[in-house]
C-alpha atoms as a PDB file:
ATOM      1  CA  MET A   1     -72.423 126.155  97.057  1.00  0.00           C
ATOM      2  CA  ASN A   2     -75.309 126.185  94.590  1.00  0.00           C
ATOM      3  CA  ASP A   3     -74.215 128.029  91.178  1.00  0.00           C
ATOM      4  CA  ASP A   4     -77.268 129.156  91.071  1.00  0.00           C
ATOM      5  CA  LEU A   5     -77.563 130.509  94.737  1.00  0.00           C
ATOM      6  CA  ILE A   6     -74.755 132.334  94.919  1.00  0.00           C
ATOM      7  CA  SER A   7     -75.181 133.910  91.245  1.00  0.00           C
ATOM      8  CA  LEU A   8     -78.548 135.492  92.627  1.00  0.00           C
ATOM      9  CA  TYR A   9     -77.144 135.924  96.605  1.00  0.00           C
ATOM     10  CA  PRO A  10     -73.579 136.722  95.418  1.00  0.00           C
ATOM     11  CA  VAL A  11     -73.287 138.862  99.123  1.00  0.00           C
ATOM     12  CA  LEU A  12     -73.389 134.773 100.419  1.00  0.00           C
ATOM     13  CA  ALA A  13     -69.877 134.163  98.367  1.00  0.00           C
ATOM     14  CA  ALA A  14     -68.457 137.077 101.008  1.00  0.00           C
ATOM     15  CA  LEU A  15     -68.565 134.929 103.608  1.00  0.00           C
ATOM     16  CA  PRO A  16     -66.136 133.723 105.778  1.00  0.00           C
ATOM     17  CA  VAL A  17     -65.992 129.964 104.297  1.00  0.00           C
ATOM     18  CA  ASP A  18     -67.010 127.969 107.677  1.00  0.00           C
ATOM     19  CA  LEU A  19     -70.236 130.095 107.140  1.00  0.00           C
ATOM     20  CA  ARG A  20     -70.376 128.928 104.267  1.00  0.00           C
ATOM     21  CA  ARG A  21     -70.016 125.817 104.233  1.00  0.00           C
ATOM     22  CA  GLN A  22     -72.642 125.784 106.570  1.00  0.00           C
ATOM     23  CA  VAL A  23     -75.023 127.253 104.500  1.00  0.00           C
ATOM     24  CA  SER A  24     -74.017 124.617 101.804  1.00  0.00           C
ATOM     25  CA  ALA A  25     -74.841 122.166 104.266  1.00  0.00           C
ATOM     26  CA  THR A  26     -77.969 123.311 105.797  1.00  0.00           C
ATOM     27  CA  VAL A  27     -80.007 125.284 102.662  1.00  0.00           C
ATOM     28  CA  GLN A  28     -83.250 122.852 102.154  1.00  0.00           C
ATOM     29  CA  PHE A  29     -84.198 123.445  98.391  1.00  0.00           C
ATOM     30  CA  VAL A  30     -87.756 123.639  98.130  1.00  0.00           C
ATOM     31  CA  LYS A  31     -89.901 123.742  94.716  1.00  0.00           C
ATOM     32  CA  VAL A  32     -93.734 124.982  95.050  1.00  0.00           C
ATOM     33  CA  PRO A  33     -96.121 124.925  92.129  1.00  0.00           C
ATOM     34  CA  ALA A  34     -97.458 128.043  90.779  1.00  0.00           C
ATOM     35  CA  GLY A  35    -101.147 129.200  93.160  1.00  0.00           C
ATOM     36  CA  ALA A  36     -99.393 127.671  96.657  1.00  0.00           C
ATOM     37  CA  ILE A  37     -99.511 129.547 100.049  1.00  0.00           C
ATOM     38  CA  LEU A  38     -96.210 129.925 101.163  1.00  0.00           C
ATOM     39  CA  PHE A  39     -97.522 131.617 104.387  1.00  0.00           C
ATOM     40  CA  ASP A  40    -100.243 132.786 105.815  1.00  0.00           C
ATOM     41  CA  GLU A  41    -100.943 135.272 108.814  1.00  0.00           C
ATOM     42  CA  GLN A  42    -100.032 133.555 111.984  1.00  0.00           C
ATOM     43  CA  GLN A  43     -97.939 131.349 110.809  1.00  0.00           C
ATOM     44  CA  PRO A  44     -94.706 130.772 112.706  1.00  0.00           C
ATOM     45  CA  CYS A  45     -91.386 131.836 110.394  1.00  0.00           C
ATOM     46  CA  GLN A  46     -89.453 128.152 109.265  1.00  0.00           C
ATOM     47  CA  GLY A  47     -86.448 130.136 107.802  1.00  0.00           C
ATOM     48  CA  PHE A  48     -85.266 132.555 105.452  1.00  0.00           C
ATOM     49  CA  PRO A  49     -85.868 132.201 101.770  1.00  0.00           C
ATOM     50  CA  PHE A  50     -83.738 132.800  98.629  1.00  0.00           C
ATOM     51  CA  ILE A  51     -85.569 133.037  95.843  1.00  0.00           C
ATOM     52  CA  LEU A  52     -84.510 131.336  92.490  1.00  0.00           C
ATOM     53  CA  GLU A  53     -87.394 131.003  90.273  1.00  0.00           C
ATOM     54  CA  GLY A  54     -91.020 132.101  89.715  1.00  0.00           C
ATOM     55  CA  ALA A  55     -91.580 134.844  92.569  1.00  0.00           C
ATOM     56  CA  ILE A  56     -93.836 135.152  95.607  1.00  0.00           C
ATOM     57  CA  ARG A  57     -96.860 137.755  95.628  1.00  0.00           C
ATOM     58  CA  VAL A  58     -97.015 139.354  99.764  1.00  0.00           C
ATOM     59  CA  VAL A  59    -100.695 140.583 100.659  1.00  0.00           C
ATOM     60  CA  LYS A  60    -102.346 141.828 103.418  1.00  0.00           C
ATOM     61  CA  ALA A  61    -105.583 139.801 103.907  1.00  0.00           C
ATOM     62  CA  ALA A  62    -108.966 141.525 104.649  1.00  0.00           C
ATOM     63  CA  ALA A  63    -111.750 139.109 106.996  1.00  0.00           C
ATOM     64  CA  ASN A  64    -113.789 140.060 104.123  1.00  0.00           C
ATOM     65  CA  GLY A  65    -111.720 138.190 101.335  1.00  0.00           C
ATOM     66  CA  ARG A  66    -110.147 141.399  99.886  1.00  0.00           C
ATOM     67  CA  GLU A  67    -106.230 141.966  99.801  1.00  0.00           C
ATOM     68  CA  LEU A  68    -104.094 144.576  99.561  1.00  0.00           C
ATOM     69  CA  PRO A  69    -100.993 143.689  97.435  1.00  0.00           C
ATOM     70  CA  LEU A  70     -98.604 144.741  99.517  1.00  0.00           C
ATOM     71  CA  TYR A  71     -95.435 144.246  97.414  1.00  0.00           C
ATOM     72  CA  ARG A  72     -93.831 140.792  94.911  1.00  0.00           C
ATOM     73  CA  VAL A  73     -90.595 138.933  95.640  1.00  0.00           C
ATOM     74  CA  LEU A  74     -88.435 138.096  93.073  1.00  0.00           C
ATOM     75  CA  PRO A  75     -85.157 136.112  92.014  1.00  0.00           C
ATOM     76  CA  GLY A  76     -82.682 137.872  93.771  1.00  0.00           C
ATOM     77  CA  GLU A  77     -84.787 139.661  96.436  1.00  0.00           C
ATOM     78  CA  SER A  78     -85.884 137.989  99.817  1.00  0.00           C
ATOM     79  CA  CYS A  79     -89.321 139.492 101.458  1.00  0.00           C
ATOM     80  CA  ILE A  80     -88.713 141.975 104.379  1.00  0.00           C
ATOM     81  CA  ILE A  81     -92.221 140.678 106.322  1.00  0.00           C
ATOM     82  CA  THR A  82     -90.385 137.314 106.601  1.00  0.00           C
ATOM     83  CA  SER A  83     -87.302 139.274 107.531  1.00  0.00           C
ATOM     84  CA  SER A  84     -88.846 140.949 109.777  1.00  0.00           C
ATOM     85  CA  CYS A  85     -90.678 138.245 111.577  1.00  0.00           C
ATOM     86  CA  LEU A  86     -87.039 136.625 112.286  1.00  0.00           C
ATOM     87  CA  LEU A  87     -86.044 139.336 113.623  1.00  0.00           C
ATOM     88  CA  GLY A  88     -88.579 139.614 116.187  1.00  0.00           C
ATOM     89  CA  HIS A  89     -89.272 136.873 116.884  1.00  0.00           C
ATOM     90  CA  ALA A  90     -92.997 136.728 115.710  1.00  0.00           C
ATOM     91  CA  ALA A  91     -95.241 135.520 113.792  1.00  0.00           C
ATOM     92  CA  TYR A  92     -96.392 136.887 110.114  1.00  0.00           C
ATOM     93  CA  ASN A  93     -98.306 139.128 108.914  1.00  0.00           C
ATOM     94  CA  ALA A  94     -98.748 138.876 105.560  1.00  0.00           C
ATOM     95  CA  ARG A  95     -99.849 136.198 102.980  1.00  0.00           C
ATOM     96  CA  GLY A  96     -97.722 135.233 100.548  1.00  0.00           C
ATOM     97  CA  THR A  97     -98.513 133.101  97.216  1.00  0.00           C
ATOM     98  CA  THR A  98     -96.453 131.805  94.679  1.00  0.00           C
ATOM     99  CA  GLU A  99     -96.262 133.550  91.463  1.00  0.00           C
ATOM    100  CA  GLY A 100     -95.790 130.506  88.934  1.00  0.00           C
ATOM    101  CA  ALA A 101     -93.951 127.478  89.499  1.00  0.00           C
ATOM    102  CA  THR A 102     -90.853 128.771  91.798  1.00  0.00           C
ATOM    103  CA  THR A 103     -88.024 126.979  93.032  1.00  0.00           C
ATOM    104  CA  LEU A 104     -86.514 128.576  96.346  1.00  0.00           C
ATOM    105  CA  ALA A 105     -83.669 127.776  99.407  1.00  0.00           C
ATOM    106  CA  LEU A 106     -84.253 127.922 102.899  1.00  0.00           C
ATOM    107  CA  LEU A 107     -82.490 129.209 105.478  1.00  0.00           C
ATOM    108  CA  PRO A 108     -82.543 128.286 108.862  1.00  0.00           C
ATOM    109  CA  ARG A 109     -83.981 129.782 111.397  1.00  0.00           C
ATOM    110  CA  GLU A 110     -80.800 129.442 113.601  1.00  0.00           C
ATOM    111  CA  LEU A 111     -77.881 130.345 111.168  1.00  0.00           C
ATOM    112  CA  PHE A 112     -79.816 133.307 109.991  1.00  0.00           C
ATOM    113  CA  ASN A 113     -79.007 134.676 113.299  1.00  0.00           C
ATOM    114  CA  ALA A 114     -75.326 133.747 113.227  1.00  0.00           C
ATOM    115  CA  LEU A 115     -75.061 135.068 110.003  1.00  0.00           C
ATOM    116  CA  LEU A 116     -76.398 138.372 110.845  1.00  0.00           C
ATOM    117  CA  GLY A 117     -73.067 138.753 112.916  1.00  0.00           C
ATOM    118  CA  GLU A 118     -71.691 139.348 109.771  1.00  0.00           C
ATOM    119  CA  PRO A 119     -71.586 142.751 108.171  1.00  0.00           C
ATOM    120  CA  VAL A 120     -71.695 141.773 104.710  1.00  0.00           C
ATOM    121  CA  PHE A 121     -75.081 139.814 105.540  1.00  0.00           C
ATOM    122  CA  ARG A 122     -76.577 142.581 108.105  1.00  0.00           C
ATOM    123  CA  ASP A 123     -75.857 145.029 105.387  1.00  0.00           C
ATOM    124  CA  PHE A 124     -77.529 143.151 102.605  1.00  0.00           C
ATOM    125  CA  VAL A 125     -80.759 142.350 105.428  1.00  0.00           C
ATOM    126  CA  PHE A 126     -80.791 146.131 106.536  1.00  0.00           C
ATOM    127  CA  ALA A 127     -80.710 147.328 102.677  1.00  0.00           C
ATOM    128  CA  LEU A 128     -83.775 145.154 101.164  1.00  0.00           C
ATOM    129  CA  PHE A 129     -85.810 145.982 104.044  1.00  0.00           C
ATOM    130  CA  SER A 130     -84.643 150.240 102.810  1.00  0.00           C
ATOM    131  CA  GLU A 131     -85.684 149.491  99.667  1.00  0.00           C
ATOM    132  CA  ARG A 132     -89.006 147.810 100.353  1.00  0.00           C
ATOM    133  CA  MET A 133     -89.958 150.048 102.965  1.00  0.00           C
ATOM    134  CA  ALA A 134     -89.768 152.539 100.457  1.00  0.00           C
ATOM    135  CA  ASP A 135     -92.184 150.804  98.106  1.00  0.00           C
ATOM    136  CA  LEU A 136     -94.769 150.433 101.060  1.00  0.00           C
ATOM    137  CA  MET A 137     -94.877 154.267 101.627  1.00  0.00           C
ATOM    138  CA  GLN A 138     -95.302 154.773  98.055  1.00  0.00           C
ATOM    139  CA  LEU A 139     -98.232 152.272  98.047  1.00  0.00           C
ATOM    140  CA  VAL A 140     -99.603 154.039 101.623  1.00  0.00           C
ATOM    141  CA  GLU A 141     -99.485 156.925  99.980  1.00  0.00           C
ATOM    142  CA  GLU A 142    -101.370 155.887  96.721  1.00  0.00           C
ATOM    143  CA  VAL A 143    -103.928 154.422  98.717  1.00  0.00           C
ATOM    144  CA  ALA A 144    -103.884 156.835 100.901  1.00  0.00           C
ATOM    145  CA  PHE A 145    -104.660 159.916  99.360  1.00  0.00           C
ATOM    146  CA  GLN A 146    -105.612 158.781  95.831  1.00  0.00           C
ATOM    147  CA  LYS A 147    -108.440 158.083  94.172  1.00  0.00           C
ATOM    148  CA  LEU A 148    -109.464 154.620  92.530  1.00  0.00           C
ATOM    149  CA  ASP A 149    -109.710 156.099  89.710  1.00  0.00           C
ATOM    150  CA  GLN A 150    -106.515 157.541  89.700  1.00  0.00           C
ATOM    151  CA  ARG A 151    -104.920 154.529  90.981  1.00  0.00           C
ATOM    152  CA  LEU A 152    -106.822 152.691  88.300  1.00  0.00           C
ATOM    153  CA  ALA A 153    -105.585 154.814  85.249  1.00  0.00           C
ATOM    154  CA  ALA A 154    -102.207 154.478  86.632  1.00  0.00           C
ATOM    155  CA  LEU A 155    -102.038 150.812  86.432  1.00  0.00           C
ATOM    156  CA  LEU A 156    -103.334 150.770  82.671  1.00  0.00           C
ATOM    157  CA  LEU A 157    -100.665 153.283  81.609  1.00  0.00           C
ATOM    158  CA  GLY A 158     -97.990 151.390  82.947  1.00  0.00           C
ATOM    159  CA  LYS A 159     -98.695 148.283  81.013  1.00  0.00           C
ATOM    160  CA  GLY A 160     -98.951 148.780  77.300  1.00  0.00           C
ATOM    161  CA  ARG A 161    -100.816 149.998  74.896  1.00  0.00           C
ATOM    162  CA  VAL A 162    -103.426 146.926  75.500  1.00  0.00           C
ATOM    163  CA  VAL A 163    -103.471 145.401  78.687  1.00  0.00           C
ATOM    164  CA  SER A 164    -104.996 141.736  78.225  1.00  0.00           C
ATOM    165  CA  VAL A 165    -106.588 140.981  82.244  1.00  0.00           C
ATOM    166  CA  THR A 166    -109.919 140.418  83.920  1.00  0.00           C
ATOM    167  CA  HIS A 167    -111.278 143.444  85.935  1.00  0.00           C
ATOM    168  CA  GLN A 168    -110.756 141.029  88.860  1.00  0.00           C
ATOM    169  CA  GLN A 169    -106.896 140.898  88.304  1.00  0.00           C
ATOM    170  CA  LEU A 170    -106.943 143.822  88.150  1.00  0.00           C
ATOM    171  CA  ALA A 171    -108.916 144.256  91.027  1.00  0.00           C
ATOM    172  CA  ASP A 172    -106.666 142.284  92.804  1.00  0.00           C
ATOM    173  CA  GLU A 173    -103.378 144.613  92.354  1.00  0.00           C
ATOM    174  CA  LEU A 174    -105.281 147.672  93.226  1.00  0.00           C
ATOM    175  CA  GLY A 175    -106.630 145.909  96.481  1.00  0.00           C
ATOM    176  CA  SER A 176    -110.323 146.588  95.327  1.00  0.00           C
ATOM    177  CA  VAL A 177    -113.449 144.468  94.442  1.00  0.00           C
ATOM    178  CA  ARG A 178    -114.156 143.023  91.008  1.00  0.00           C
ATOM    179  CA  GLU A 179    -117.393 145.301  90.788  1.00  0.00           C
ATOM    180  CA  ILE A 180    -116.143 148.448  91.615  1.00  0.00           C
ATOM    181  CA  VAL A 181    -113.580 148.309  89.195  1.00  0.00           C
ATOM    182  CA  SER A 182    -115.460 147.222  85.976  1.00  0.00           C
ATOM    183  CA  ARG A 183    -117.755 150.388  86.818  1.00  0.00           C
ATOM    184  CA  LEU A 184    -115.246 152.483  86.299  1.00  0.00           C
ATOM    185  CA  LEU A 185    -113.607 150.821  83.208  1.00  0.00           C
ATOM    186  CA  LYS A 186    -117.090 151.098  81.675  1.00  0.00           C
ATOM    187  CA  ASN A 187    -117.044 154.926  82.538  1.00  0.00           C
ATOM    188  CA  PHE A 188    -113.472 155.164  80.921  1.00  0.00           C
ATOM    189  CA  SER A 189    -115.267 153.515  78.085  1.00  0.00           C
ATOM    190  CA  GLU A 190    -117.369 155.628  77.668  1.00  0.00           C
ATOM    191  CA  GLN A 191    -115.029 158.133  77.383  1.00  0.00           C
ATOM    192  CA  ASP A 192    -113.351 157.180  74.881  1.00  0.00           C
ATOM    193  CA  LEU A 193    -110.475 155.817  76.794  1.00  0.00           C
ATOM    194  CA  VAL A 194    -109.919 152.998  76.771  1.00  0.00           C
ATOM    195  CA  ARG A 195    -112.176 149.721  74.719  1.00  0.00           C
ATOM    196  CA  LEU A 196    -113.291 147.220  76.634  1.00  0.00           C
ATOM    197  CA  GLY A 197    -113.005 142.995  75.158  1.00  0.00           C
ATOM    198  CA  ARG A 198    -112.675 139.839  76.346  1.00  0.00           C
ATOM    199  CA  GLU A 199    -109.926 139.918  79.228  1.00  0.00           C
ATOM    200  CA  GLN A 200    -108.449 142.381  77.463  1.00  0.00           C
ATOM    201  CA  ILE A 201    -108.576 146.686  77.349  1.00  0.00           C
ATOM    202  CA  GLU A 202    -107.000 148.879  74.810  1.00  0.00           C
ATOM    203  CA  ILE A 203    -105.891 152.612  75.414  1.00  0.00           C
ATOM    204  CA  LEU A 204    -107.254 155.227  73.283  1.00  0.00           C
ATOM    205  CA  ASP A 205    -106.527 158.719  75.104  1.00  0.00           C
ATOM    206  CA  PRO A 206    -102.964 157.873  77.066  1.00  0.00           C
ATOM    207  CA  ALA A 207    -102.903 161.741  77.219  1.00  0.00           C
ATOM    208  CA  ARG A 208    -106.494 162.069  78.651  1.00  0.00           C
ATOM    209  CA  LEU A 209    -105.624 159.207  81.113  1.00  0.00           C
ATOM    210  CA  ARG A 210    -102.665 160.790  82.534  1.00  0.00           C
ATOM    211  CA  GLN A 211    -104.829 163.578  83.356  1.00  0.00           C
ATOM    212  CA  ILE A 212    -106.533 161.206  85.344  1.00  0.00           C
ATOM    213  CA  THR A 213    -103.977 160.307  86.981  1.00  0.00           C
ATOM    214  CA  THR A 214    -102.953 163.776  88.589  1.00  0.00           C
ATOM    215  CA  GLY A 215    -106.332 164.101  89.502  1.00  0.00           C
ATOM    216  CA  GLY A 216    -107.709 166.150  86.641  1.00  0.00           C
ATOM    217  CA  SER A 217    -110.292 166.404  84.853  1.00  0.00           C
ATOM    218  CA  VAL A 218    -111.228 164.698  81.810  1.00  0.00           C
ATOM    219  CA  THR A 219    -112.552 167.071  78.725  1.00  0.00           C
END
């Protein structure tokens, strides 16, 4: 079995010998360029992915073209939407796009089902569910109960003092549109909270930005 695969997903080394051999014989290694759509809504699920390099950005897309980022899948992790599709024999209900050149190992659906019979693999899959569901619940809370200016302030504070990013990229991360984000950033700038440059935002007053994240007024 591939050393990188075992290193990132040690659960595979804990499988019985016959199943390890099946994984080695059937897993498919795929290299995908940056920006490629790995899966989209209503497409059937072909297998269970192990990420070896790169990342997958998973979003929920609306008919008007807006996207709500759900989570990212990094090496050593896996995609719970893919898992749920395999477990429920359903099509995808989200879109997955590669961030940078991505290498993954794809486990066929039939073998995924067989591995679920092993407690160690089943525990691995449901542990991922638990972790990711906690992240998704936090996202739901932010979208439902926090204003966009609060979420934008929190996002900026999490990126350091000088943020190299476009307004569109921030809008994509927030599941909003560029015009609204640009308007909020202009408002932040007029209050001397940030300094706006070309594809760069400098945080001038993190303390007052932090007030915004909690719903407090800026004075």
